[in-house]
Every structure is written in structure tokens, then in C-alpha cells.
Amino acid sequence: MSERTIELPDEIGVVNIGLPLFADAVRDQGRPVTQVEWQIPGGGDPDVVAALRRLFGPRTEAIDAANAEVLHRLDTGVAVLTGIATAADVLPVPGRTLLHSGPALDIADACDPLRRSMRATVLAEGWAGDAAEADRMLASGEVSLAPANEAGAVVPMAAIIGPSTPVWVVEVEAGGTVAYAPLGQGSGEVAWFGQDSPAAVARLVLLREAVAPLLAHALPLVDPVDVFSFAAQAVAMGDDVHVRTQASTNLLLRHLLPGLVDSSDARRVEVARFLSANYLLFLTLAMAGARALTAWAGQVEGSSMVTTMARNGTTYGIRLAGDDTWFRAPAPPVENALYHPGKGPQDGAPDIGDSAVLELVGLGGAAAAGSPSVGQLVGGLGAAVDLTRDLGTVCVGRSSRITLPTLGGEGTPLGLDVRKVVERSITPRVTTGILHNRDGSGQIGAGVATAPIECFRDALLALDQRLA
């Protein structure tokens, strides 16, 4: 039997799975090495790992079928702007009730900007004569609080819906769902930025008495507004339709222009000036469209998809399709931020607003890769691409209508799966503004907030129990 000579290769490439220390040792010797990013699923928690084994094992087929239906609804639902209404006429809330972002909270737990916005709304409603009286009414319970999401509405940042607040009305006919969001207040001294100055109160009154009537007059005179058609066009023009909505707002105003100029309202020039300067006008309309879409998707039972993601400046909450239970964790800080001169992380309030619903429908962070403006917040367009790519790893599909020219027409990530989030410990990163945490000076910057993993783990464990 002849002996065979074993020849060793001249070049060796190493793939290392596990501790990066081993890859570093090979690299220090000048040899090629690839480090595989790997971690224990679910952070190694035995209960979480067991739940993942069941939800990715025996229950996979049923869950995936439900998820496919959720994805279909998110991807194909047509959200149409059908009108503008006064909140008290369309929302199921009693008397002196204020609707806020995120899960339910007590007034004592409200962060400073949210409490200021509540005071401004109480004053705009005419329930109090000054801020001190408004504060007393809030503290005593004369004015009650409720989450906007539980009334079928969504609000941006620290915005509040009172009974007289004008709201967009958006419907998804296929699902029979309707959602609401307040008209955008614009920039400057405004309540949604956590201000309760006379100017902030006056802006709320302007929206109610002048802007809403003119927009309501214009809508029946133009073709219906398909919210996601406008959003898809805007993403191709550099919007993420969250922190940047200039393109989508311009498209909306151009569409409404024939109806707006038809009006003979005495305040039409004043309203036109406001609208022309309100580059975030489309934001709340997109949020209402997203809420109507996720409400339809949320009717599907047995899914592992996240259909609510909201924060109130104190807590961060999510809900899954087919389940109205809130799963909560402390609201995180906003990081990777650009601050106004003289401001910094020590001045920023925690993450706040219902606008994270946009990340659930293929917008916001899901569309970051196509927005140079978002790139400025996160360290360059390459980092914005990473933000979108990371979200894609925990979603079940891609949008067929919202596509990214910067990624060769690839659809934005769609269908956030709580199983994947917990398995990989990758939570959504939400592009958002930053409000001052104590002095009422309003917005002081913008950045990215990373959702806390705790609420996703709790939701996963509850899903496992519910499907058992």
C-alpha cells in the first residue's frame, strides 16, 4: 500500500464563529479572516429560548400563514384621506378627555414636554384661564387622559388631541378601518414640541378656526388622496416620511391647490402662508394612513407581527396583531443625534410620539437608506443604509410599492416579526425629533431612538402562552 503525501495549502482563509479574540489573533498574523457575527438566541434566557423553539418549531406553519396575511394587508391596503373632522364628532372619548401618545399613563408620570402640551390644549379648549389653572385641572383629574391609539388615533411627539382638535380622517375600505391624526402644527412655538406659550395656544386655535375649514373645503374639489401613493413618490425624492417630509408635503399641497384657491374664506392668505411654511404637514396624514393599515393588519389572529409601536416620553409600548395587550418598557433616549447649538444629550427628553407606526409600514427607519437627510443624523448615507438593512433582518418581507432608488429599487422592510427581533436582539431604530426635557424651549435636535428589547421579549413570551 503506497503512502500518499498530504500537501498543505499555501494560503489559508479562516472563518471564525464565536469570540472575536480568535479572529483578531489570526488577523494579527497577517492572514485573511472573516468574523461571523453570532450570539446566543434570545440573549440566552432559557424561557425565551424555549419559547423561540416552539414558535419557530411546531407552531411555525400556522404563524407563518397568519404573518403572510398581515404582510399582504400592510403591503396592499389602500389608505384614502376621506375628510377632516372635529375630534369630538368622530372619536369615542367622553367630555374633558385628552388623547396622548403611547401607552396609558398618569399625569404624575408625564414628562415635562407632554405636560406642557396638555396645558396648552386645555387652554385652547377654553377650560382654563391660565397655565396654573390648567395644571390644577390636570392634577385633580377634572381633565382625564387616554392613549390616542386606543381610540383609533395617533399623535406625533408631545401632541395632544382635545375635543375640538381637527383631525385627518383616513380609511382602508378593504378592512373597514378608519384612523385619525391631528393636523400638523408646523414649526416654531408649538404644543407638539412641548410648549405652552401663548403662541403655542394660538397655533392650536388657528388650526381649528382657519386651517381646518379651508382644507375641508378643498378636499371634495380634488381627486381622493391615496396616502401611500404619495409616500412612495416622496421616498423616491429623498423623504423617509418621518423626520423628512418635504417632498410628500409638496406633493400634497400641489394636489390640494385647486381646491384651496377656490375658497373665498377671509383668512385664506393667512392659511396659505401657514401651509407653505409647514414642511411637516404630511407627517400626521401618513401616520393616520399607517394607523388605518395596521388596524386592518391587527385583526389577524395567531400572528407574531408587531402592529403597534408607540412611546409617551415615559414608557415605550408595543402590541401584536390579534392582541390588544400593551407590552411596556422605559422610553429610551434619542441617540446618534444632531443638536441645536448649545444643547446636548443632557437636555433631551426620552423618546416620545406615536410616529413609530411609520416604521411598521415601510417608512421612517425602513426608508432611511434613501434619505440623505437621515444620513446626516446617523453618520452618513452608509449608516442610513445599515439602519434599513438591520430592520430588514427582523422583518418578514419587503414593500412592493415603497422602493429605494439608492438600493436598486429594493422594497423597504415590511412586517416586523417579534420572533426575529428577540432571536437576534435587533430592535427597530426610529428616526425622531428631540424635545427639551425641562424648560419648554421645544425641539432641540433630531436623531435615532432604539426600541427597548424588554417589551418585545414580554410580547414573545405572551404569544407563546396564548398559542399554547
Protein backbone atom coordinates (compact mmCIF):
# COMPACT_ATOMS: atom_id res chain seq x y z
CA MET A 1 0.00 0.00 0.00
CA SER A 2 1.61 3.24 -1.15
CA GLU A 3 1.83 6.25 1.07
CA ARG A 4 0.14 9.49 -0.01
CA THR A 5 1.77 12.80 0.62
CA ILE A 6 -0.57 15.36 2.11
CA GLU A 7 0.12 18.83 0.78
CA LEU A 8 -0.88 21.75 2.93
CA PRO A 9 -2.30 24.83 1.17
CA ASP A 10 -0.08 27.85 0.70
CA GLU A 11 -2.88 30.25 1.62
CA ILE A 12 -5.31 29.74 4.48
CA GLY A 13 -8.53 31.71 4.99
CA VAL A 14 -10.24 31.46 8.33
CA VAL A 15 -13.90 31.83 9.20
CA ASN A 16 -14.36 32.39 12.93
CA ILE A 17 -17.67 31.84 14.70
CA GLY A 18 -17.75 32.95 18.30
CA LEU A 19 -15.28 35.02 20.27
CA PRO A 20 -13.69 37.75 18.09
CA LEU A 21 -10.45 37.20 20.05
CA PHE A 22 -9.60 34.21 17.85
CA ALA A 23 -10.20 36.22 14.67
CA ASP A 24 -8.00 39.00 16.00
CA ALA A 25 -5.16 36.53 16.63
CA VAL A 26 -5.30 35.28 13.03
CA ARG A 27 -5.54 38.84 11.70
CA ASP A 28 -2.51 39.87 13.75
CA GLN A 29 -0.52 37.22 11.88
CA GLY A 30 -1.45 38.84 8.59
CA ARG A 31 -3.77 36.08 7.46
CA PRO A 32 -7.26 36.57 5.95
CA VAL A 33 -10.10 36.01 8.41
CA THR A 34 -13.86 36.55 8.39
CA GLN A 35 -15.64 37.05 11.69
CA VAL A 36 -19.22 35.71 11.73
CA GLU A 37 -21.43 37.81 13.98
CA TRP A 38 -23.17 35.27 16.15
CA GLN A 39 -24.80 35.37 19.53
CA ILE A 40 -26.93 33.10 21.65
CA PRO A 41 -30.58 33.45 20.53
CA GLY A 42 -32.75 35.49 22.86
CA GLY A 43 -29.78 36.56 24.93
CA GLY A 44 -29.51 33.03 26.30
CA ASP A 45 -32.56 33.35 28.57
CA PRO A 46 -33.84 29.75 28.99
CA ASP A 47 -37.53 30.73 28.94
CA VAL A 48 -37.06 32.87 25.84
CA VAL A 49 -35.04 30.19 24.05
CA ALA A 50 -37.73 27.60 24.84
CA ALA A 51 -40.43 29.93 23.52
CA LEU A 52 -38.43 30.58 20.35
CA ARG A 53 -38.01 26.83 19.86
CA ARG A 54 -41.78 26.38 19.94
CA LEU A 55 -42.66 29.47 17.89
CA PHE A 56 -40.08 28.61 15.22
CA GLY A 57 -40.82 24.88 15.53
CA PRO A 58 -44.20 23.16 15.89
CA ARG A 59 -46.15 26.41 15.54
CA THR A 60 -44.22 27.83 12.58
CA GLU A 61 -46.63 26.82 9.85
CA ALA A 62 -49.67 28.43 11.47
CA ILE A 63 -47.77 31.56 12.50
CA ASP A 64 -46.22 32.00 9.05
CA ALA A 65 -49.64 31.69 7.42
CA ALA A 66 -51.02 34.41 9.71
CA ASN A 67 -47.96 36.56 9.08
CA ALA A 68 -48.40 36.22 5.33
CA GLU A 69 -51.90 37.66 5.66
CA VAL A 70 -50.65 40.52 7.85
CA LEU A 71 -47.92 41.28 5.31
CA HIS A 72 -50.44 41.21 2.47
CA ARG A 73 -52.63 43.76 4.25
CA LEU A 74 -49.73 46.06 5.08
CA ASP A 75 -48.45 45.88 1.52
CA THR A 76 -51.68 46.23 -0.42
CA GLY A 77 -54.12 48.18 1.77
CA VAL A 78 -55.17 51.48 0.21
CA ALA A 79 -55.42 54.25 2.82
CA VAL A 80 -57.51 57.14 1.49
CA LEU A 81 -57.97 60.57 3.04
CA THR A 82 -61.73 60.97 3.25
CA GLY A 83 -62.10 64.18 5.21
CA ILE A 84 -61.30 66.43 8.13
CA ALA A 85 -63.39 66.25 11.28
CA THR A 86 -63.57 67.62 14.80
CA ALA A 87 -62.27 65.02 17.25
CA ALA A 88 -65.36 65.08 19.46
CA ASP A 89 -67.53 64.18 16.46
CA VAL A 90 -65.61 61.04 15.46
CA LEU A 91 -63.62 59.72 18.43
CA PRO A 92 -65.21 57.60 21.18
CA VAL A 93 -63.98 59.64 24.15
CA PRO A 94 -66.07 61.38 26.81
CA GLY A 95 -66.18 65.06 27.77
CA ARG A 96 -62.97 66.60 29.00
CA THR A 97 -60.56 63.94 27.82
CA LEU A 98 -57.14 64.46 26.27
CA LEU A 99 -55.60 61.83 23.98
CA HIS A 100 -51.83 61.40 24.18
CA SER A 101 -49.19 59.27 22.52
CA GLY A 102 -48.01 55.87 23.68
CA PRO A 103 -49.49 53.59 26.34
CA ALA A 104 -51.70 54.91 29.15
CA LEU A 105 -50.04 56.96 31.88
CA ASP A 106 -50.93 59.02 34.93
CA ILE A 107 -50.44 62.77 34.85
CA ALA A 108 -47.85 62.43 37.64
CA ASP A 109 -45.72 60.31 35.32
CA ALA A 110 -45.97 62.62 32.29
CA CYS A 111 -42.66 64.07 31.11
CA ASP A 112 -42.24 67.85 31.05
CA PRO A 113 -42.92 68.44 27.31
CA LEU A 114 -46.02 66.24 27.35
CA ARG A 115 -47.43 68.02 30.38
CA ARG A 116 -46.82 71.41 28.75
CA SER A 117 -48.65 70.28 25.63
CA MET A 118 -51.57 69.12 27.78
CA ARG A 119 -51.72 72.57 29.41
CA ALA A 120 -51.70 74.27 26.00
CA THR A 121 -54.58 72.07 24.84
CA VAL A 122 -56.62 72.74 27.99
CA LEU A 123 -56.16 76.48 27.34
CA ALA A 124 -57.07 76.15 23.66
CA GLU A 125 -60.23 74.27 24.65
CA GLY A 126 -61.18 77.19 26.90
CA TRP A 127 -61.37 75.04 30.03
CA ALA A 128 -58.86 77.17 31.97
CA GLY A 129 -57.85 80.81 32.07
CA ASP A 130 -54.12 80.30 32.56
CA ALA A 131 -51.44 77.61 32.72
CA ALA A 132 -51.64 77.30 36.51
CA GLU A 133 -55.36 76.58 36.40
CA ALA A 134 -54.80 74.11 33.57
CA ASP A 135 -52.19 72.33 35.67
CA ARG A 136 -54.56 72.16 38.62
CA MET A 137 -57.31 70.65 36.47
CA LEU A 138 -54.94 68.01 35.15
CA ALA A 139 -53.62 67.14 38.61
CA SER A 140 -57.11 66.89 40.12
CA GLY A 141 -58.47 64.61 37.41
CA GLU A 142 -61.02 67.16 36.15
CA VAL A 143 -59.39 66.54 32.79
CA SER A 144 -58.84 62.84 32.06
CA LEU A 145 -56.17 61.21 29.90
CA ALA A 146 -56.33 58.32 27.44
CA PRO A 147 -53.99 56.81 24.82
CA ALA A 148 -54.81 58.00 21.31
CA ASN A 149 -54.09 54.53 19.94
CA GLU A 150 -56.93 53.01 21.93
CA ALA A 151 -59.34 55.45 20.30
CA GLY A 152 -58.12 54.62 16.79
CA ALA A 153 -55.91 57.70 16.55
CA VAL A 154 -52.21 58.56 16.58
CA VAL A 155 -50.39 61.75 17.59
CA PRO A 156 -46.83 62.93 16.85
CA MET A 157 -44.32 63.65 19.60
CA ALA A 158 -45.99 65.53 22.51
CA ALA A 159 -49.11 66.47 20.53
CA ILE A 160 -52.48 66.15 22.24
CA ILE A 161 -55.96 65.64 20.80
CA GLY A 162 -58.69 67.57 22.63
CA PRO A 163 -62.41 67.52 21.78
CA SER A 164 -62.14 70.49 19.39
CA THR A 165 -58.92 69.35 17.69
CA PRO A 166 -59.29 68.98 13.90
CA VAL A 167 -58.16 65.57 12.65
CA TRP A 168 -57.42 63.88 9.35
CA VAL A 169 -59.84 61.01 8.65
CA VAL A 170 -58.24 58.12 6.71
CA GLU A 171 -59.98 54.91 5.70
CA VAL A 172 -58.90 51.50 4.42
CA GLU A 173 -62.04 50.35 2.66
CA ALA A 174 -60.93 46.72 2.26
CA GLY A 175 -60.60 46.32 6.02
CA GLY A 176 -63.37 48.68 7.09
CA THR A 177 -60.87 50.51 9.29
CA VAL A 178 -60.70 54.24 9.98
CA ALA A 179 -57.93 56.16 11.74
CA TYR A 180 -57.35 59.73 12.83
CA ALA A 181 -54.44 62.09 13.47
CA PRO A 182 -54.34 65.81 14.26
CA LEU A 183 -53.46 68.34 11.59
CA GLY A 184 -49.76 69.16 11.75
CA GLN A 185 -49.00 72.20 13.90
CA GLY A 186 -45.90 73.21 11.95
CA SER A 187 -42.70 74.55 13.47
CA GLY A 188 -41.86 77.40 15.86
CA GLU A 189 -43.58 77.76 19.24
CA VAL A 190 -45.92 74.80 19.12
CA ALA A 191 -47.53 72.45 21.61
CA TRP A 192 -46.42 69.25 19.87
CA PHE A 193 -42.83 70.30 20.64
CA GLY A 194 -43.71 70.59 24.33
CA GLN A 195 -44.51 74.28 24.61
CA ASP A 196 -47.41 76.02 26.36
CA SER A 197 -46.71 79.65 25.47
CA PRO A 198 -49.47 81.99 24.19
CA ALA A 199 -48.09 81.46 20.67
CA ALA A 200 -48.41 77.68 21.03
CA VAL A 201 -52.03 78.03 22.18
CA ALA A 202 -52.74 80.46 19.32
CA ARG A 203 -51.42 77.91 16.80
CA LEU A 204 -53.94 75.33 18.06
CA VAL A 205 -56.73 77.88 17.67
CA LEU A 206 -55.51 78.78 14.15
CA LEU A 207 -55.70 75.14 13.10
CA ARG A 208 -59.22 74.77 14.47
CA GLU A 209 -60.70 78.06 13.25
CA ALA A 210 -58.92 78.71 9.95
CA VAL A 211 -56.76 75.89 8.60
CA ALA A 212 -59.20 73.00 9.07
CA PRO A 213 -62.17 74.76 7.42
CA LEU A 214 -60.08 75.67 4.36
CA LEU A 215 -58.69 72.16 3.97
CA ALA A 216 -62.15 70.67 4.47
CA HIS A 217 -63.43 72.94 1.70
CA ALA A 218 -60.62 71.87 -0.66
CA LEU A 219 -60.80 68.09 -0.26
CA PRO A 220 -64.11 67.42 -2.07
CA LEU A 221 -62.89 69.52 -5.01
CA VAL A 222 -59.85 67.34 -5.82
CA ASP A 223 -59.25 63.67 -6.52
CA PRO A 224 -59.00 61.37 -3.46
CA VAL A 225 -55.62 61.30 -1.73
CA ASP A 226 -54.06 57.81 -1.68
CA VAL A 227 -51.71 58.28 1.25
CA PHE A 228 -49.20 55.57 0.38
CA SER A 229 -49.07 56.53 -3.28
CA PHE A 230 -47.90 59.97 -2.18
CA ALA A 231 -45.49 58.43 0.34
CA ALA A 232 -43.95 56.12 -2.26
CA GLN A 233 -43.32 59.04 -4.61
CA ALA A 234 -41.79 61.03 -1.78
CA VAL A 235 -39.40 58.26 -0.76
CA ALA A 236 -38.07 58.28 -4.32
CA MET A 237 -37.48 62.03 -3.82
CA GLY A 238 -35.46 61.67 -0.60
CA ASP A 239 -38.09 61.60 2.15
CA ASP A 240 -38.17 58.91 4.80
CA VAL A 241 -41.69 60.25 5.58
CA HIS A 242 -40.80 60.65 9.23
CA VAL A 243 -38.10 63.18 10.04
CA ARG A 244 -38.14 64.42 6.44
CA THR A 245 -41.47 65.05 4.71
CA GLN A 246 -40.65 67.99 2.45
CA ALA A 247 -41.30 66.08 -0.77
CA SER A 248 -44.52 64.45 0.44
CA THR A 249 -45.83 67.76 1.80
CA ASN A 250 -45.08 69.50 -1.52
CA LEU A 251 -46.90 66.74 -3.41
CA LEU A 252 -49.91 67.05 -1.11
CA LEU A 253 -50.14 70.85 -1.36
CA ARG A 254 -49.81 70.73 -5.15
CA HIS A 255 -52.65 68.20 -5.24
CA LEU A 256 -54.86 70.33 -2.99
CA LEU A 257 -54.06 73.63 -4.71
CA PRO A 258 -57.14 73.80 -7.00
CA GLY A 259 -59.43 73.29 -4.03
CA LEU A 260 -57.54 75.74 -1.84
CA VAL A 261 -57.66 78.61 -4.33
CA ASP A 262 -61.38 78.01 -4.88
CA SER A 263 -62.09 79.28 -1.38
CA SER A 264 -63.31 82.80 -0.68
CA ASP A 265 -62.55 82.48 3.05
CA ALA A 266 -61.37 85.78 4.51
CA ARG A 267 -58.37 84.04 6.14
CA ARG A 268 -57.21 82.13 3.06
CA VAL A 269 -53.99 84.14 2.63
CA GLU A 270 -53.09 83.63 6.31
CA VAL A 271 -53.73 79.90 5.94
CA ALA A 272 -51.74 79.75 2.69
CA ARG A 273 -48.75 81.31 4.44
CA PHE A 274 -49.01 78.75 7.23
CA LEU A 275 -49.31 75.82 4.83
CA SER A 276 -46.40 76.96 2.67
CA ALA A 277 -44.13 77.05 5.74
CA ASN A 278 -45.36 73.78 7.26
CA TYR A 279 -42.92 71.32 5.71
CA LEU A 280 -44.08 68.58 8.12
CA LEU A 281 -47.75 68.79 7.09
CA PHE A 282 -47.75 65.30 5.54
CA LEU A 283 -46.34 63.64 8.68
CA THR A 284 -49.59 63.26 10.59
CA LEU A 285 -51.51 62.31 7.45
CA ALA A 286 -49.01 59.50 6.86
CA MET A 287 -49.41 58.46 10.49
CA ALA A 288 -53.19 58.25 10.13
CA GLY A 289 -52.73 56.15 6.99
CA ALA A 290 -50.32 53.85 8.83
CA ARG A 291 -52.71 53.52 11.77
CA ALA A 292 -55.62 52.58 9.49
CA LEU A 293 -53.41 50.00 7.77
CA THR A 294 -52.06 48.45 10.98
CA ALA A 295 -55.60 48.35 12.39
CA TRP A 296 -56.62 46.13 9.47
CA ALA A 297 -53.49 44.01 9.85
CA GLY A 298 -54.11 43.82 13.60
CA GLN A 299 -57.34 41.90 13.04
CA VAL A 300 -55.38 38.77 12.06
CA GLU A 301 -55.22 36.16 14.82
CA GLY A 302 -52.20 33.99 15.60
CA SER A 303 -49.58 36.29 14.06
CA SER A 304 -46.19 37.21 15.52
CA MET A 305 -46.20 40.61 13.80
CA VAL A 306 -45.95 43.91 15.66
CA THR A 307 -48.82 46.25 14.72
CA THR A 308 -48.45 48.97 17.36
CA MET A 309 -45.25 50.73 18.41
CA ALA A 310 -45.63 53.93 20.42
CA ARG A 311 -43.98 55.94 23.19
CA ASN A 312 -45.16 58.69 25.54
CA GLY A 313 -41.85 60.04 26.85
CA THR A 314 -42.05 57.77 29.89
CA THR A 315 -42.84 54.31 28.53
CA TYR A 316 -42.42 52.51 25.22
CA GLY A 317 -45.23 50.16 24.24
CA ILE A 318 -45.90 47.60 21.53
CA ARG A 319 -48.88 45.41 20.63
CA LEU A 320 -49.09 42.34 18.40
CA ALA A 321 -51.66 41.51 15.74
CA GLY A 322 -54.74 39.91 17.26
CA ASP A 323 -53.93 41.15 20.77
CA ASP A 324 -54.81 44.49 22.42
CA THR A 325 -52.37 43.94 25.30
CA TRP A 326 -49.66 46.58 25.73
CA PHE A 327 -46.13 45.35 26.44
CA ARG A 328 -44.11 48.12 28.03
CA ALA A 329 -40.56 49.19 28.84
CA PRO A 330 -39.00 52.54 29.81
CA ALA A 331 -38.79 55.00 26.92
CA PRO A 332 -35.20 55.16 25.63
CA PRO A 333 -33.07 58.25 24.97
CA VAL A 334 -32.62 59.57 21.43
CA GLU A 335 -29.08 58.87 20.24
CA ASN A 336 -26.98 59.45 17.10
CA ALA A 337 -28.35 62.96 17.36
CA LEU A 338 -27.75 66.38 15.88
CA TYR A 339 -28.48 69.08 18.48
CA HIS A 340 -29.15 72.76 18.15
CA PRO A 341 -26.22 74.97 19.21
CA GLY A 342 -25.71 74.91 22.97
CA LYS A 343 -27.86 71.80 23.50
CA GLY A 344 -26.80 68.24 24.16
CA PRO A 345 -27.87 64.81 25.45
CA GLN A 346 -28.35 66.14 28.97
CA ASP A 347 -31.18 68.36 27.67
CA GLY A 348 -33.12 65.77 25.69
CA ALA A 349 -36.39 64.18 26.80
CA PRO A 350 -36.81 60.43 26.26
CA ASP A 351 -38.29 59.14 23.02
CA ILE A 352 -41.90 60.27 22.52
CA GLY A 353 -44.74 60.02 19.99
CA ASP A 354 -46.89 57.56 18.04
CA SER A 355 -44.96 58.19 14.83
CA ALA A 356 -43.07 54.88 15.21
CA VAL A 357 -46.13 53.38 13.49
CA LEU A 358 -44.46 54.55 10.28
CA GLU A 359 -41.58 52.10 10.79
CA LEU A 360 -44.20 49.31 10.75
CA VAL A 361 -45.44 50.19 7.23
CA GLY A 362 -42.13 50.57 5.39
CA LEU A 363 -41.42 54.24 6.15
CA GLY A 364 -39.20 56.10 8.62
CA GLY A 365 -36.19 53.98 9.51
CA ALA A 366 -37.29 51.41 6.93
CA ALA A 367 -36.74 54.07 4.24
CA ALA A 368 -33.65 55.66 5.81
CA ALA A 369 -31.36 54.26 3.11
CA GLY A 370 -32.96 56.55 0.54
CA SER A 371 -32.76 59.77 2.57
CA PRO A 372 -29.59 61.89 2.67
CA SER A 373 -31.21 63.91 5.45
CA VAL A 374 -31.45 60.84 7.65
CA GLY A 375 -27.86 60.08 6.72
CA GLN A 376 -26.83 63.38 8.31
CA LEU A 377 -28.36 62.22 11.60
CA VAL A 378 -26.82 58.78 11.74
CA GLY A 379 -23.31 59.38 10.41
CA GLY A 380 -23.64 59.28 6.64
CA LEU A 381 -25.71 57.57 3.99
CA GLY A 382 -23.82 54.32 4.59
CA ALA A 383 -25.03 54.31 8.18
CA ALA A 384 -28.56 55.06 6.96
CA VAL A 385 -28.31 52.02 4.69
CA ASP A 386 -27.22 49.93 7.70
CA LEU A 387 -30.26 51.19 9.64
CA THR A 388 -32.58 49.97 6.87
CA ARG A 389 -30.68 46.71 6.43
CA ASP A 390 -30.81 45.93 10.16
CA LEU A 391 -34.57 46.43 10.21
CA GLY A 392 -34.83 44.15 7.21
CA THR A 393 -33.25 41.28 9.15
CA VAL A 394 -36.18 41.24 11.59
CA CYS A 395 -38.98 41.76 9.07
CA VAL A 396 -40.74 39.06 7.06
CA GLY A 397 -40.87 40.83 3.72
CA ARG A 398 -40.40 43.89 1.55
CA SER A 399 -42.80 46.53 0.35
CA SER A 400 -43.87 46.21 -3.28
CA ARG A 401 -44.86 49.88 -3.54
CA ILE A 402 -42.31 51.79 -1.44
CA THR A 403 -38.94 51.26 -3.10
CA LEU A 404 -35.46 52.71 -2.66
CA PRO A 405 -33.66 54.00 -5.77
CA THR A 406 -30.41 54.03 -3.77
CA LEU A 407 -30.68 50.25 -3.34
CA GLY A 408 -31.55 49.45 -6.93
CA GLY A 409 -35.30 49.67 -6.43
CA GLU A 410 -35.37 47.31 -3.45
CA GLY A 411 -38.56 47.50 -1.38
CA THR A 412 -38.40 48.86 2.15
CA PRO A 413 -38.53 46.32 5.02
CA LEU A 414 -42.08 45.41 5.99
CA GLY A 415 -43.67 43.16 8.62
CA LEU A 416 -41.83 43.35 11.95
CA ASP A 417 -41.69 39.83 13.44
CA VAL A 418 -41.33 39.72 17.23
CA ARG A 419 -39.72 36.27 16.95
CA LYS A 420 -36.87 37.60 14.82
CA VAL A 421 -36.45 40.69 16.98
CA VAL A 422 -35.98 38.61 20.13
CA GLU A 423 -33.96 35.84 18.49
CA ARG A 424 -31.42 38.31 17.09
CA SER A 425 -31.71 41.01 19.76
CA ILE A 426 -32.16 43.61 16.99
CA THR A 427 -34.90 46.14 17.71
CA PRO A 428 -36.18 48.87 15.38
CA ARG A 429 -34.33 52.16 15.33
CA VAL A 430 -36.74 55.04 14.91
CA THR A 431 -35.81 58.38 13.36
CA THR A 432 -37.30 61.13 15.51
CA GLY A 433 -37.05 64.64 16.93
CA ILE A 434 -35.75 65.55 20.39
CA LEU A 435 -37.63 67.80 22.82
CA HIS A 436 -36.15 69.72 25.73
CA ASN A 437 -36.71 67.83 28.95
CA ARG A 438 -37.41 70.68 31.35
CA ASP A 439 -37.53 74.28 30.09
CA GLY A 440 -40.26 74.28 27.41
CA SER A 441 -37.95 75.52 24.65
CA GLY A 442 -39.29 72.93 22.20
CA GLN A 443 -37.37 70.85 19.70
CA ILE A 444 -33.62 70.89 20.26
CA GLY A 445 -32.48 68.32 17.71
CA ALA A 446 -33.20 65.04 15.94
CA GLY A 447 -31.72 61.57 16.00
CA VAL A 448 -32.45 57.87 16.29
CA ALA A 449 -34.09 56.03 19.19
CA THR A 450 -33.51 52.29 19.60
CA ALA A 451 -36.56 50.41 20.84
CA PRO A 452 -36.01 48.56 24.15
CA ILE A 453 -35.79 44.78 23.84
CA GLU A 454 -37.73 44.14 27.06
CA CYS A 455 -41.18 44.84 25.64
CA PHE A 456 -40.50 42.54 22.67
CA ARG A 457 -39.39 39.72 24.97
CA ASP A 458 -42.53 40.09 27.06
CA ALA A 459 -44.67 40.09 23.92
CA LEU A 460 -42.94 36.96 22.66
CA LEU A 461 -43.49 35.08 25.92
CA ALA A 462 -47.14 36.15 25.98
CA LEU A 463 -47.59 35.00 22.36
CA ASP A 464 -46.10 31.64 23.25
CA GLN A 465 -48.56 31.27 26.14
CA ARG A 466 -51.52 32.46 24.09
CA LEU A 467 -50.85 29.99 21.24
CA ALA A 468 -50.28 27.13 23.69
